[in-house]
Amino acid sequence: QVQLVESGGGLVQTGNSLRLSCAASGVAFDRYVVGWFRQAPGKERDIVATLSRSGDTTYYTDSVKGRFTISRDNAKNAVYLQMNSLKPEDTAVYYCAAAGPRWGVVIAPHEYRYWGQGTQVTVSS
């Protein structure tokens, strides 16, 4: 059974940092494109960042470029999202996800096969 479990969310002030972690089990993680998504109340779930199998290709949504960094450790079956210079508009539930074995990066949520349960990130002004 495949499980993705996020951790590291919390309440921080504007300008501070958080590091989200996602631990995977039951899947050959190194074969999967991974991504972080977020969903704010009343809004759709949107891509934040995605990372290729080898870690050499990334995609970031424009609003987080230069502030967030996605990384992975295939030996540990883990993916991370380092979030710096947080803003109130970053407040959302953050989800990690794994897409099927493929090359490159994957942006569309419907192409991701496995999802975590989400972790809340709240940035106060």
PDB file of N, CA and C in Angstrom:
ATOM      1  N   GLN A   1       0.836  -1.182   0.000  1.00  0.00           N
ATOM      2  CA  GLN A   1       0.000   0.000   0.000  1.00  0.00           C
ATOM      3  C   GLN A   1       0.881   1.245   0.000  1.00  0.00           C
ATOM      4  N   VAL A   2       0.570   2.148  -0.911  1.00  0.00           N
ATOM      5  CA  VAL A   2       1.360   3.371  -1.038  1.00  0.00           C
ATOM      6  C   VAL A   2       0.870   4.406  -0.043  1.00  0.00           C
ATOM      7  N   GLN A   3       1.819   5.007   0.658  1.00  0.00           N
ATOM      8  CA  GLN A   3       1.494   6.083   1.591  1.00  0.00           C
ATOM      9  C   GLN A   3       2.471   7.225   1.425  1.00  0.00           C
ATOM     10  N   LEU A   4       1.930   8.428   1.423  1.00  0.00           N
ATOM     11  CA  LEU A   4       2.738   9.642   1.462  1.00  0.00           C
ATOM     12  C   LEU A   4       2.309  10.413   2.700  1.00  0.00           C
ATOM     13  N   VAL A   5       3.268  10.771   3.533  1.00  0.00           N
ATOM     14  CA  VAL A   5       2.944  11.438   4.789  1.00  0.00           C
ATOM     15  C   VAL A   5       3.759  12.724   4.895  1.00  0.00           C
ATOM     16  N   GLU A   6       3.028  13.852   4.922  1.00  0.00           N
ATOM     17  CA  GLU A   6       3.679  15.154   5.041  1.00  0.00           C
ATOM     18  C   GLU A   6       3.881  15.527   6.507  1.00  0.00           C
ATOM     19  N   SER A   7       4.872  16.361   6.739  1.00  0.00           N
ATOM     20  CA  SER A   7       5.106  16.930   8.060  1.00  0.00           C
ATOM     21  C   SER A   7       5.825  18.254   7.898  1.00  0.00           C
ATOM     22  N   GLY A   8       5.840  19.037   8.973  1.00  0.00           N
ATOM     23  CA  GLY A   8       6.598  20.273   8.958  1.00  0.00           C
ATOM     24  C   GLY A   8       5.785  21.541   8.838  1.00  0.00           C
ATOM     25  N   GLY A   9       4.481  21.406   8.673  1.00  0.00           N
ATOM     26  CA  GLY A   9       3.649  22.591   8.603  1.00  0.00           C
ATOM     27  C   GLY A   9       3.537  23.269   9.953  1.00  0.00           C
ATOM     28  N   GLY A  10       2.921  24.453   9.952  1.00  0.00           N
ATOM     29  CA  GLY A  10       2.747  25.162  11.199  1.00  0.00           C
ATOM     30  C   GLY A  10       2.371  26.611  10.979  1.00  0.00           C
ATOM     31  N   LEU A  11       2.416  27.367  12.061  1.00  0.00           N
ATOM     32  CA  LEU A  11       2.095  28.797  12.050  1.00  0.00           C
ATOM     33  C   LEU A  11       3.392  29.590  12.183  1.00  0.00           C
ATOM     34  N   VAL A  12       3.636  30.465  11.216  1.00  0.00           N
ATOM     35  CA  VAL A  12       4.834  31.296  11.247  1.00  0.00           C
ATOM     36  C   VAL A  12       4.457  32.731  10.887  1.00  0.00           C
ATOM     37  N   GLN A  13       5.363  33.649  11.184  1.00  0.00           N
ATOM     38  CA  GLN A  13       5.148  35.040  10.825  1.00  0.00           C
ATOM     39  C   GLN A  13       5.708  35.324   9.423  1.00  0.00           C
ATOM     40  N   THR A  14       5.211  36.364   8.825  1.00  0.00           N
ATOM     41  CA  THR A  14       5.701  36.795   7.522  1.00  0.00           C
ATOM     42  C   THR A  14       7.218  36.939   7.544  1.00  0.00           C
ATOM     43  N   GLY A  15       7.854  36.406   6.497  1.00  0.00           N
ATOM     44  CA  GLY A  15       9.292  36.484   6.365  1.00  0.00           C
ATOM     45  C   GLY A  15      10.055  35.303   6.917  1.00  0.00           C
ATOM     46  N   ASN A  16       9.385  34.489   7.682  1.00  0.00           N
ATOM     47  CA  ASN A  16      10.035  33.316   8.267  1.00  0.00           C
ATOM     48  C   ASN A  16      10.055  32.150   7.284  1.00  0.00           C
ATOM     49  N   SER A  17      10.631  31.039   7.754  1.00  0.00           N
ATOM     50  CA  SER A  17      10.810  29.876   6.897  1.00  0.00           C
ATOM     51  C   SER A  17      10.191  28.631   7.516  1.00  0.00           C
ATOM     52  N   LEU A  18       9.856  27.691   6.651  1.00  0.00           N
ATOM     53  CA  LEU A  18       9.419  26.361   7.052  1.00  0.00           C
ATOM     54  C   LEU A  18       9.995  25.358   6.065  1.00  0.00           C
ATOM     55  N   ARG A  19      10.215  24.153   6.549  1.00  0.00           N
ATOM     56  CA  ARG A  19      10.637  23.072   5.668  1.00  0.00           C
ATOM     57  C   ARG A  19       9.628  21.928   5.792  1.00  0.00           C
ATOM     58  N   LEU A  20       8.962  21.647   4.694  1.00  0.00           N
ATOM     59  CA  LEU A  20       8.027  20.534   4.653  1.00  0.00           C
ATOM     60  C   LEU A  20       8.754  19.273   4.206  1.00  0.00           C
ATOM     61  N   SER A  21       8.352  18.158   4.805  1.00  0.00           N
ATOM     62  CA  SER A  21       8.895  16.869   4.421  1.00  0.00           C
ATOM     63  C   SER A  21       7.761  15.941   4.022  1.00  0.00           C
ATOM     64  N   CYS A  22       8.077  15.022   3.141  1.00  0.00           N
ATOM     65  CA  CYS A  22       7.107  14.023   2.722  1.00  0.00           C
ATOM     66  C   CYS A  22       7.814  12.680   2.664  1.00  0.00           C
ATOM     67  N   ALA A  23       7.328  11.743   3.465  1.00  0.00           N
ATOM     68  CA  ALA A  23       7.914  10.412   3.503  1.00  0.00           C
ATOM     69  C   ALA A  23       7.027   9.441   2.742  1.00  0.00           C
ATOM     70  N   ALA A  24       7.617   8.684   1.828  1.00  0.00           N
ATOM     71  CA  ALA A  24       6.866   7.746   1.001  1.00  0.00           C
ATOM     72  C   ALA A  24       7.171   6.311   1.398  1.00  0.00           C
ATOM     73  N   SER A  25       6.161   5.466   1.296  1.00  0.00           N
ATOM     74  CA  SER A  25       6.344   4.042   1.526  1.00  0.00           C
ATOM     75  C   SER A  25       5.472   3.274   0.557  1.00  0.00           C
ATOM     76  N   GLY A  26       5.891   2.037   0.263  1.00  0.00           N
ATOM     77  CA  GLY A  26       5.098   1.184  -0.609  1.00  0.00           C
ATOM     78  C   GLY A  26       5.211   1.507  -2.077  1.00  0.00           C
ATOM     79  N   VAL A  27       6.205   2.294  -2.463  1.00  0.00           N
ATOM     80  CA  VAL A  27       6.354   2.682  -3.857  1.00  0.00           C
ATOM     81  C   VAL A  27       7.840   2.800  -4.181  1.00  0.00           C
ATOM     82  N   ALA A  28       8.191   2.441  -5.410  1.00  0.00           N
ATOM     83  CA  ALA A  28       9.572   2.634  -5.870  1.00  0.00           C
ATOM     84  C   ALA A  28       9.756   4.112  -6.160  1.00  0.00           C
ATOM     85  N   PHE A  29      10.049   4.834  -5.146  1.00  0.00           N
ATOM     86  CA  PHE A  29       9.967   6.296  -5.176  1.00  0.00           C
ATOM     87  C   PHE A  29      10.861   6.913  -6.234  1.00  0.00           C
ATOM     88  N   ASP A  30      12.008   6.302  -6.478  1.00  0.00           N
ATOM     89  CA  ASP A  30      12.950   6.910  -7.415  1.00  0.00           C
ATOM     90  C   ASP A  30      12.439   6.871  -8.848  1.00  0.00           C
ATOM     91  N   ARG A  31      11.374   6.151  -9.108  1.00  0.00           N
ATOM     92  CA  ARG A  31      10.803   6.102 -10.450  1.00  0.00           C
ATOM     93  C   ARG A  31       9.740   7.171 -10.690  1.00  0.00           C
ATOM     94  N   TYR A  32       9.396   7.916  -9.656  1.00  0.00           N
ATOM     95  CA  TYR A  32       8.251   8.807  -9.742  1.00  0.00           C
ATOM     96  C   TYR A  32       8.651  10.279  -9.765  1.00  0.00           C
ATOM     97  N   VAL A  33       7.999  11.016 -10.614  1.00  0.00           N
ATOM     98  CA  VAL A  33       8.032  12.465 -10.518  1.00  0.00           C
ATOM     99  C   VAL A  33       7.275  12.852  -9.249  1.00  0.00           C
ATOM    100  N   VAL A  34       7.779  13.820  -8.516  1.00  0.00           N
ATOM    101  CA  VAL A  34       7.127  14.242  -7.280  1.00  0.00           C
ATOM    102  C   VAL A  34       6.775  15.721  -7.359  1.00  0.00           C
ATOM    103  N   GLY A  35       5.788  16.090  -6.582  1.00  0.00           N
ATOM    104  CA  GLY A  35       5.366  17.476  -6.600  1.00  0.00           C
ATOM    105  C   GLY A  35       4.773  17.907  -5.272  1.00  0.00           C
ATOM    106  N   TRP A  36       4.736  19.212  -5.066  1.00  0.00           N
ATOM    107  CA  TRP A  36       4.036  19.831  -3.942  1.00  0.00           C
ATOM    108  C   TRP A  36       2.927  20.703  -4.513  1.00  0.00           C
ATOM    109  N   PHE A  37       1.749  20.565  -3.920  1.00  0.00           N
ATOM    110  CA  PHE A  37       0.594  21.362  -4.291  1.00  0.00           C
ATOM    111  C   PHE A  37       0.094  22.078  -3.046  1.00  0.00           C
ATOM    112  N   ARG A  38      -0.756  23.061  -3.243  1.00  0.00           N
ATOM    113  CA  ARG A  38      -1.385  23.723  -2.106  1.00  0.00           C
ATOM    114  C   ARG A  38      -2.800  24.111  -2.458  1.00  0.00           C
ATOM    115  N   GLN A  39      -3.613  24.164  -1.412  1.00  0.00           N
ATOM    116  CA  GLN A  39      -5.012  24.534  -1.586  1.00  0.00           C
ATOM    117  C   GLN A  39      -5.429  25.451  -0.449  1.00  0.00           C
ATOM    118  N   ALA A  40      -5.794  26.656  -0.826  1.00  0.00           N
ATOM    119  CA  ALA A  40      -6.301  27.624   0.131  1.00  0.00           C
ATOM    120  C   ALA A  40      -7.821  27.481   0.218  1.00  0.00           C
ATOM    121  N   PRO A  41      -8.435  27.939   1.305  1.00  0.00           N
ATOM    122  CA  PRO A  41      -9.892  27.815   1.434  1.00  0.00           C
ATOM    123  C   PRO A  41     -10.627  28.456   0.265  1.00  0.00           C
ATOM    124  N   GLY A  42     -11.547  27.724  -0.318  1.00  0.00           N
ATOM    125  CA  GLY A  42     -12.340  28.234  -1.421  1.00  0.00           C
ATOM    126  C   GLY A  42     -11.641  28.266  -2.758  1.00  0.00           C
ATOM    127  N   LYS A  43     -10.436  27.741  -2.817  1.00  0.00           N
ATOM    128  CA  LYS A  43      -9.678  27.761  -4.065  1.00  0.00           C
ATOM    129  C   LYS A  43      -9.338  26.345  -4.518  1.00  0.00           C
ATOM    130  N   GLU A  44      -8.920  26.234  -5.765  1.00  0.00           N
ATOM    131  CA  GLU A  44      -8.525  24.950  -6.305  1.00  0.00           C
ATOM    132  C   GLU A  44      -7.132  24.558  -5.799  1.00  0.00           C
ATOM    133  N   ARG A  45      -6.846  23.282  -5.928  1.00  0.00           N
ATOM    134  CA  ARG A  45      -5.523  22.790  -5.583  1.00  0.00           C
ATOM    135  C   ARG A  45      -4.577  23.113  -6.747  1.00  0.00           C
ATOM    136  N   ASP A  46      -3.512  23.830  -6.451  1.00  0.00           N
ATOM    137  CA  ASP A  46      -2.592  24.308  -7.478  1.00  0.00           C
ATOM    138  C   ASP A  46      -1.182  23.788  -7.252  1.00  0.00           C
ATOM    139  N   ILE A  47      -0.467  23.664  -8.341  1.00  0.00           N
ATOM    140  CA  ILE A  47       0.925  23.236  -8.275  1.00  0.00           C
ATOM    141  C   ILE A  47       1.763  24.313  -7.586  1.00  0.00           C
ATOM    142  N   VAL A  48       2.689  23.874  -6.755  1.00  0.00           N
ATOM    143  CA  VAL A  48       3.685  24.769  -6.168  1.00  0.00           C
ATOM    144  C   VAL A  48       5.032  24.504  -6.830  1.00  0.00           C
ATOM    145  N   ALA A  49       5.425  23.229  -6.837  1.00  0.00           N
ATOM    146  CA  ALA A  49       6.715  22.850  -7.415  1.00  0.00           C
ATOM    147  C   ALA A  49       6.687  21.373  -7.760  1.00  0.00           C
ATOM    148  N   THR A  50       7.476  21.008  -8.739  1.00  0.00           N
ATOM    149  CA  THR A  50       7.605  19.615  -9.113  1.00  0.00           C
ATOM    150  C   THR A  50       9.046  19.322  -9.498  1.00  0.00           C
ATOM    151  N   LEU A  51       9.435  18.064  -9.334  1.00  0.00           N
ATOM    152  CA  LEU A  51      10.823  17.663  -9.486  1.00  0.00           C
ATOM    153  C   LEU A  51      10.877  16.338 -10.224  1.00  0.00           C
ATOM    154  N   SER A  52      11.780  16.245 -11.173  1.00  0.00           N
ATOM    155  CA  SER A  52      11.905  15.030 -11.967  1.00  0.00           C
ATOM    156  C   SER A  52      12.502  13.883 -11.153  1.00  0.00           C
ATOM    157  N   ARG A  53      12.486  12.709 -11.742  1.00  0.00           N
ATOM    158  CA  ARG A  53      12.968  11.502 -11.067  1.00  0.00           C
ATOM    159  C   ARG A  53      14.403  11.650 -10.595  1.00  0.00           C
ATOM    160  N   SER A  54      15.234  12.186 -11.448  1.00  0.00           N
ATOM    161  CA  SER A  54      16.651  12.305 -11.115  1.00  0.00           C
ATOM    162  C   SER A  54      16.968  13.554 -10.323  1.00  0.00           C
ATOM    163  N   GLY A  55      16.016  14.462 -10.269  1.00  0.00           N
ATOM    164  CA  GLY A  55      16.236  15.701  -9.536  1.00  0.00           C
ATOM    165  C   GLY A  55      16.893  16.799 -10.344  1.00  0.00           C
ATOM    166  N   ASP A  56      17.049  16.574 -11.652  1.00  0.00           N
ATOM    167  CA  ASP A  56      17.758  17.580 -12.449  1.00  0.00           C
ATOM    168  C   ASP A  56      16.840  18.564 -13.150  1.00  0.00           C
ATOM    169  N   THR A  57      15.535  18.354 -13.063  1.00  0.00           N
ATOM    170  CA  THR A  57      14.578  19.264 -13.701  1.00  0.00           C
ATOM    171  C   THR A  57      13.527  19.666 -12.682  1.00  0.00           C
ATOM    172  N   THR A  58      13.269  20.965 -12.593  1.00  0.00           N
ATOM    173  CA  THR A  58      12.275  21.475 -11.654  1.00  0.00           C
ATOM    174  C   THR A  58      11.313  22.419 -12.357  1.00  0.00           C
ATOM    175  N   TYR A  59      10.183  22.581 -11.729  1.00  0.00           N
ATOM    176  CA  TYR A  59       9.217  23.607 -12.142  1.00  0.00           C
ATOM    177  C   TYR A  59       8.682  24.249 -10.876  1.00  0.00           C
ATOM    178  N   TYR A  60       8.579  25.583 -10.887  1.00  0.00           N
ATOM    179  CA  TYR A  60       8.000  26.317  -9.777  1.00  0.00           C
ATOM    180  C   TYR A  60       6.920  27.251 -10.325  1.00  0.00           C
ATOM    181  N   THR A  61       5.829  27.359  -9.607  1.00  0.00           N
ATOM    182  CA  THR A  61       4.862  28.369  -9.974  1.00  0.00           C
ATOM    183  C   THR A  61       5.486  29.738  -9.743  1.00  0.00           C
ATOM    184  N   ASP A  62       5.076  30.719 -10.503  1.00  0.00           N
ATOM    185  CA  ASP A  62       5.744  32.020 -10.489  1.00  0.00           C
ATOM    186  C   ASP A  62       5.788  32.654  -9.096  1.00  0.00           C
ATOM    187  N   SER A  63       4.742  32.476  -8.326  1.00  0.00           N
ATOM    188  CA  SER A  63       4.650  33.185  -7.048  1.00  0.00           C
ATOM    189  C   SER A  63       5.650  32.690  -6.009  1.00  0.00           C
ATOM    190  N   VAL A  64       6.273  31.533  -6.230  1.00  0.00           N
ATOM    191  CA  VAL A  64       7.219  31.015  -5.235  1.00  0.00           C
ATOM    192  C   VAL A  64       8.650  30.982  -5.749  1.00  0.00           C
ATOM    193  N   LYS A  65       8.850  31.350  -6.994  1.00  0.00           N
ATOM    194  CA  LYS A  65      10.206  31.316  -7.554  1.00  0.00           C
ATOM    195  C   LYS A  65      11.146  32.207  -6.750  1.00  0.00           C
ATOM    196  N   GLY A  66      12.317  31.657  -6.440  1.00  0.00           N
ATOM    197  CA  GLY A  66      13.295  32.394  -5.666  1.00  0.00           C
ATOM    198  C   GLY A  66      13.095  32.298  -4.166  1.00  0.00           C
ATOM    199  N   ARG A  67      11.954  31.750  -3.731  1.00  0.00           N
ATOM    200  CA  ARG A  67      11.680  31.625  -2.305  1.00  0.00           C
ATOM    201  C   ARG A  67      11.591  30.169  -1.859  1.00  0.00           C
ATOM    202  N   PHE A  68      11.041  29.309  -2.700  1.00  0.00           N
ATOM    203  CA  PHE A  68      10.842  27.895  -2.362  1.00  0.00           C
ATOM    204  C   PHE A  68      11.827  27.037  -3.140  1.00  0.00           C
ATOM    205  N   THR A  69      12.220  25.923  -2.519  1.00  0.00           N
ATOM    206  CA  THR A  69      13.095  24.963  -3.180  1.00  0.00           C
ATOM    207  C   THR A  69      12.588  23.553  -2.926  1.00  0.00           C
ATOM    208  N   ILE A  70      12.368  22.811  -4.002  1.00  0.00           N
ATOM    209  CA  ILE A  70      11.973  21.409  -3.879  1.00  0.00           C
ATOM    210  C   ILE A  70      13.209  20.541  -4.033  1.00  0.00           C
ATOM    211  N   SER A  71      13.275  19.483  -3.253  1.00  0.00           N
ATOM    212  CA  SER A  71      14.396  18.552  -3.345  1.00  0.00           C
ATOM    213  C   SER A  71      13.911  17.160  -2.974  1.00  0.00           C
ATOM    214  N   ARG A  72      14.733  16.178  -3.273  1.00  0.00           N
ATOM    215  CA  ARG A  72      14.353  14.799  -2.960  1.00  0.00           C
ATOM    216  C   ARG A  72      15.573  14.018  -2.533  1.00  0.00           C
ATOM    217  N   ASP A  73      15.314  12.983  -1.745  1.00  0.00           N
ATOM    218  CA  ASP A  73      16.351  12.040  -1.349  1.00  0.00           C
ATOM    219  C   ASP A  73      15.782  10.656  -1.647  1.00  0.00           C
ATOM    220  N   ASN A  74      16.112  10.117  -2.790  1.00  0.00           N
ATOM    221  CA  ASN A  74      15.533   8.841  -3.209  1.00  0.00           C
ATOM    222  C   ASN A  74      15.945   7.701  -2.285  1.00  0.00           C
ATOM    223  N   ALA A  75      17.121   7.806  -1.690  1.00  0.00           N
ATOM    224  CA  ALA A  75      17.569   6.759  -0.775  1.00  0.00           C
ATOM    225  C   ALA A  75      16.694   6.697   0.469  1.00  0.00           C
ATOM    226  N   LYS A  76      16.116   7.847   0.824  1.00  0.00           N
ATOM    227  CA  LYS A  76      15.243   7.915   1.993  1.00  0.00           C
ATOM    228  C   LYS A  76      13.763   7.929   1.625  1.00  0.00           C
ATOM    229  N   ASN A  77      13.475   7.817   0.324  1.00  0.00           N
ATOM    230  CA  ASN A  77      12.080   7.895  -0.126  1.00  0.00           C
ATOM    231  C   ASN A  77      11.401   9.152   0.400  1.00  0.00           C
ATOM    232  N   ALA A  78      12.069  10.283   0.218  1.00  0.00           N
ATOM    233  CA  ALA A  78      11.557  11.529   0.782  1.00  0.00           C
ATOM    234  C   ALA A  78      11.661  12.666  -0.210  1.00  0.00           C
ATOM    235  N   VAL A  79      10.769  13.607  -0.074  1.00  0.00           N
ATOM    236  CA  VAL A  79      10.798  14.843  -0.847  1.00  0.00           C
ATOM    237  C   VAL A  79      10.566  15.995   0.123  1.00  0.00           C
ATOM    238  N   TYR A  80      11.186  17.120  -0.169  1.00  0.00           N
ATOM    239  CA  TYR A  80      11.165  18.257   0.744  1.00  0.00           C
ATOM    240  C   TYR A  80      10.748  19.520  -0.001  1.00  0.00           C
ATOM    241  N   LEU A  81      10.238  20.475   0.761  1.00  0.00           N
ATOM    242  CA  LEU A  81       9.950  21.797   0.228  1.00  0.00           C
ATOM    243  C   LEU A  81      10.453  22.814   1.247  1.00  0.00           C
ATOM    244  N   GLN A  82      11.549  23.459   0.905  1.00  0.00           N
ATOM    245  CA  GLN A  82      12.079  24.532   1.738  1.00  0.00           C
ATOM    246  C   GLN A  82      11.380  25.825   1.336  1.00  0.00           C
ATOM    247  N   MET A  83      10.732  26.466   2.298  1.00  0.00           N
ATOM    248  CA  MET A  83       9.958  27.672   2.020  1.00  0.00           C
ATOM    249  C   MET A  83      10.552  28.824   2.812  1.00  0.00           C
ATOM    250  N   ASN A  84      11.096  29.786   2.112  1.00  0.00           N
ATOM    251  CA  ASN A  84      11.698  30.967   2.740  1.00  0.00           C
ATOM    252  C   ASN A  84      10.868  32.208   2.414  1.00  0.00           C
ATOM    253  N   SER A  85      11.099  33.242   3.190  1.00  0.00           N
ATOM    254  CA  SER A  85      10.420  34.528   2.967  1.00  0.00           C
ATOM    255  C   SER A  85       8.914  34.334   2.798  1.00  0.00           C
ATOM    256  N   LEU A  86       8.326  33.614   3.717  1.00  0.00           N
ATOM    257  CA  LEU A  86       6.904  33.286   3.614  1.00  0.00           C
ATOM    258  C   LEU A  86       6.034  34.522   3.700  1.00  0.00           C
ATOM    259  N   LYS A  87       4.924  34.470   2.960  1.00  0.00           N
ATOM    260  CA  LYS A  87       3.968  35.566   2.894  1.00  0.00           C
ATOM    261  C   LYS A  87       2.592  35.061   3.315  1.00  0.00           C
ATOM    262  N   PRO A  88       1.715  35.950   3.756  1.00  0.00           N
ATOM    263  CA  PRO A  88       0.353  35.509   4.121  1.00  0.00           C
ATOM    264  C   PRO A  88      -0.347  34.766   2.985  1.00  0.00           C
ATOM    265  N   GLU A  89      -0.084  35.137   1.755  1.00  0.00           N
ATOM    266  CA  GLU A  89      -0.729  34.468   0.623  1.00  0.00           C
ATOM    267  C   GLU A  89      -0.222  33.044   0.391  1.00  0.00           C
ATOM    268  N   ASP A  90       0.808  32.638   1.130  1.00  0.00           N
ATOM    269  CA  ASP A  90       1.269  31.251   1.066  1.00  0.00           C
ATOM    270  C   ASP A  90       0.447  30.348   1.981  1.00  0.00           C
ATOM    271  N   THR A  91      -0.436  30.923   2.767  1.00  0.00           N
ATOM    272  CA  THR A  91      -1.270  30.149   3.675  1.00  0.00           C
ATOM    273  C   THR A  91      -2.161  29.184   2.899  1.00  0.00           C
ATOM    274  N   ALA A  92      -2.063  27.899   3.249  1.00  0.00           N
ATOM    275  CA  ALA A  92      -2.816  26.864   2.547  1.00  0.00           C
ATOM    276  C   ALA A  92      -2.505  25.516   3.186  1.00  0.00           C
ATOM    277  N   VAL A  93      -3.260  24.514   2.765  1.00  0.00           N
ATOM    278  CA  VAL A  93      -2.880  23.135   3.053  1.00  0.00           C
ATOM    279  C   VAL A  93      -1.954  22.678   1.936  1.00  0.00           C
ATOM    280  N   TYR A  94      -0.810  22.144   2.317  1.00  0.00           N
ATOM    281  CA  TYR A  94       0.191  21.701   1.349  1.00  0.00           C
ATOM    282  C   TYR A  94       0.171  20.176   1.248  1.00  0.00           C
ATOM    283  N   TYR A  95       0.179  19.704   0.006  1.00  0.00           N
ATOM    284  CA  TYR A  95       0.129  18.271  -0.269  1.00  0.00           C
ATOM    285  C   TYR A  95       1.349  17.848  -1.083  1.00  0.00           C
ATOM    286  N   CYS A  96       1.924  16.717  -0.732  1.00  0.00           N
ATOM    287  CA  CYS A  96       2.899  16.134  -1.631  1.00  0.00           C
ATOM    288  C   CYS A  96       2.214  15.060  -2.465  1.00  0.00           C
ATOM    289  N   ALA A  97       2.755  14.810  -3.632  1.00  0.00           N
ATOM    290  CA  ALA A  97       2.132  13.868  -4.550  1.00  0.00           C
ATOM    291  C   ALA A  97       3.194  13.223  -5.419  1.00  0.00           C
ATOM    292  N   ALA A  98       2.878  12.034  -5.923  1.00  0.00           N
ATOM    293  CA  ALA A  98       3.780  11.302  -6.801  1.00  0.00           C
ATOM    294  C   ALA A  98       3.034  10.929  -8.074  1.00  0.00           C
ATOM    295  N   ALA A  99       3.624  11.294  -9.194  1.00  0.00           N
ATOM    296  CA  ALA A  99       3.061  10.947 -10.495  1.00  0.00           C
ATOM    297  C   ALA A  99       3.680   9.629 -10.963  1.00  0.00           C
ATOM    298  N   GLY A 100       3.060   9.018 -11.939  1.00  0.00           N
ATOM    299  CA  GLY A 100       3.548   7.744 -12.445  1.00  0.00           C
ATOM    300  C   GLY A 100       4.939   7.861 -13.035  1.00  0.00           C
ATOM    301  N   PRO A 101       5.593   6.728 -13.244  1.00  0.00           N
ATOM    302  CA  PRO A 101       6.936   6.753 -13.820  1.00  0.00           C
ATOM    303  C   PRO A 101       6.933   7.447 -15.180  1.00  0.00           C
ATOM    304  N   ARG A 102       7.701   8.519 -15.296  1.00  0.00           N
ATOM    305  CA  ARG A 102       7.801   9.259 -16.541  1.00  0.00           C
ATOM    306  C   ARG A 102       9.008  10.179 -16.465  1.00  0.00           C
ATOM    307  N   TRP A 103       9.346  10.728 -17.580  1.00  0.00           N
ATOM    308  CA  TRP A 103      10.464  11.657 -17.644  1.00  0.00           C
ATOM    309  C   TRP A 103       9.993  13.088 -17.475  1.00  0.00           C
ATOM    310  N   GLY A 104      10.889  13.938 -17.059  1.00  0.00           N
ATOM    311  CA  GLY A 104      10.586  15.355 -16.951  1.00  0.00           C
ATOM    312  C   GLY A 104       9.798  15.667 -15.694  1.00  0.00           C
ATOM    313  N   VAL A 105       8.978  16.719 -15.772  1.00  0.00           N
ATOM    314  CA  VAL A 105       8.155  17.147 -14.651  1.00  0.00           C
ATOM    315  C   VAL A 105       6.686  17.075 -15.032  1.00  0.00           C
ATOM    316  N   VAL A 106       5.828  17.090 -14.028  1.00  0.00           N
ATOM    317  CA  VAL A 106       4.390  16.985 -14.224  1.00  0.00           C
ATOM    318  C   VAL A 106       3.715  18.108 -13.462  1.00  0.00           C
ATOM    319  N   ILE A 107       2.872  18.853 -14.159  1.00  0.00           N
ATOM    320  CA  ILE A 107       2.269  20.037 -13.537  1.00  0.00           C
ATOM    321  C   ILE A 107       0.798  19.835 -13.173  1.00  0.00           C
ATOM    322  N   ALA A 108       0.060  19.089 -13.977  1.00  0.00           N
ATOM    323  CA  ALA A 108      -1.379  18.953 -13.774  1.00  0.00           C
ATOM    324  C   ALA A 108      -1.697  18.023 -12.613  1.00  0.00           C
ATOM    325  N   PRO A 109      -2.556  18.453 -11.680  1.00  0.00           N
ATOM    326  CA  PRO A 109      -2.887  17.599 -10.537  1.00  0.00           C
ATOM    327  C   PRO A 109      -3.462  16.242 -10.938  1.00  0.00           C
ATOM    328  N   HIS A 110      -4.263  16.188 -11.988  1.00  0.00           N
ATOM    329  CA  HIS A 110      -4.915  14.938 -12.336  1.00  0.00           C
ATOM    330  C   HIS A 110      -3.928  13.883 -12.847  1.00  0.00           C
ATOM    331  N   GLU A 111      -2.720  14.261 -13.101  1.00  0.00           N
ATOM    332  CA  GLU A 111      -1.713  13.295 -13.558  1.00  0.00           C
ATOM    333  C   GLU A 111      -0.956  12.662 -12.395  1.00  0.00           C
ATOM    334  N   TYR A 112      -1.250  13.092 -11.178  1.00  0.00           N
ATOM    335  CA  TYR A 112      -0.591  12.516 -10.015  1.00  0.00           C
ATOM    336  C   TYR A 112      -1.418  11.361  -9.462  1.00  0.00           C
ATOM    337  N   ARG A 113      -0.728  10.272  -9.207  1.00  0.00           N
ATOM    338  CA  ARG A 113      -1.417   9.050  -8.791  1.00  0.00           C
ATOM    339  C   ARG A 113      -1.591   8.969  -7.278  1.00  0.00           C
ATOM    340  N   TYR A 114      -0.591   9.407  -6.543  1.00  0.00           N
ATOM    341  CA  TYR A 114      -0.624   9.239  -5.084  1.00  0.00           C
ATOM    342  C   TYR A 114      -0.517  10.594  -4.393  1.00  0.00           C
ATOM    343  N   TRP A 115      -1.273  10.729  -3.298  1.00  0.00           N
ATOM    344  CA  TRP A 115      -1.339  11.981  -2.569  1.00  0.00           C
ATOM    345  C   TRP A 115      -1.186  11.741  -1.080  1.00  0.00           C
ATOM    346  N   GLY A 116      -0.555  12.711  -0.403  1.00  0.00           N
ATOM    347  CA  GLY A 116      -0.537  12.715   1.039  1.00  0.00           C
ATOM    348  C   GLY A 116      -1.809  13.333   1.585  1.00  0.00           C
ATOM    349  N   GLN A 117      -1.897  13.381   2.904  1.00  0.00           N
ATOM    350  CA  GLN A 117      -3.111  13.875   3.555  1.00  0.00           C
ATOM    351  C   GLN A 117      -3.097  15.381   3.733  1.00  0.00           C
ATOM    352  N   GLY A 118      -1.936  15.989   3.534  1.00  0.00           N
ATOM    353  CA  GLY A 118      -1.831  17.443   3.635  1.00  0.00           C
ATOM    354  C   GLY A 118      -1.325  17.912   4.978  1.00  0.00           C
ATOM    355  N   THR A 119      -0.668  19.063   4.971  1.00  0.00           N
ATOM    356  CA  THR A 119      -0.196  19.706   6.194  1.00  0.00           C
ATOM    357  C   THR A 119      -0.479  21.193   6.089  1.00  0.00           C
ATOM    358  N   GLN A 120      -1.001  21.767   7.151  1.00  0.00           N
ATOM    359  CA  GLN A 120      -1.420  23.175   7.148  1.00  0.00           C
ATOM    360  C   GLN A 120      -0.225  24.097   7.337  1.00  0.00           C
ATOM    361  N   VAL A 121      -0.150  25.087   6.494  1.00  0.00           N
ATOM    362  CA  VAL A 121       0.831  26.165   6.641  1.00  0.00           C
ATOM    363  C   VAL A 121       0.054  27.463   6.779  1.00  0.00           C
ATOM    364  N   THR A 122       0.301  28.177   7.861  1.00  0.00           N
ATOM    365  CA  THR A 122      -0.362  29.452   8.100  1.00  0.00           C
ATOM    366  C   THR A 122       0.693  30.518   8.341  1.00  0.00           C
ATOM    367  N   VAL A 123       0.615  31.581   7.550  1.00  0.00           N
ATOM    368  CA  VAL A 123       1.573  32.675   7.658  1.00  0.00           C
ATOM    369  C   VAL A 123       0.824  33.906   8.138  1.00  0.00           C
ATOM    370  N   SER A 124       1.194  34.393   9.290  1.00  0.00           N
ATOM    371  CA  SER A 124       0.513  35.561   9.854  1.00  0.00           C
ATOM    372  C   SER A 124       1.230  36.840   9.439  1.00  0.00           C
ATOM    373  N   SER A 125       0.455  37.897   9.302  1.00  0.00           N
ATOM    374  CA  SER A 125       1.031  39.180   8.874  1.00  0.00           C
ATOM    375  C   SER A 125       1.473  40.007  10.060  1.00  0.00           C
TER     376      SER A 125
END
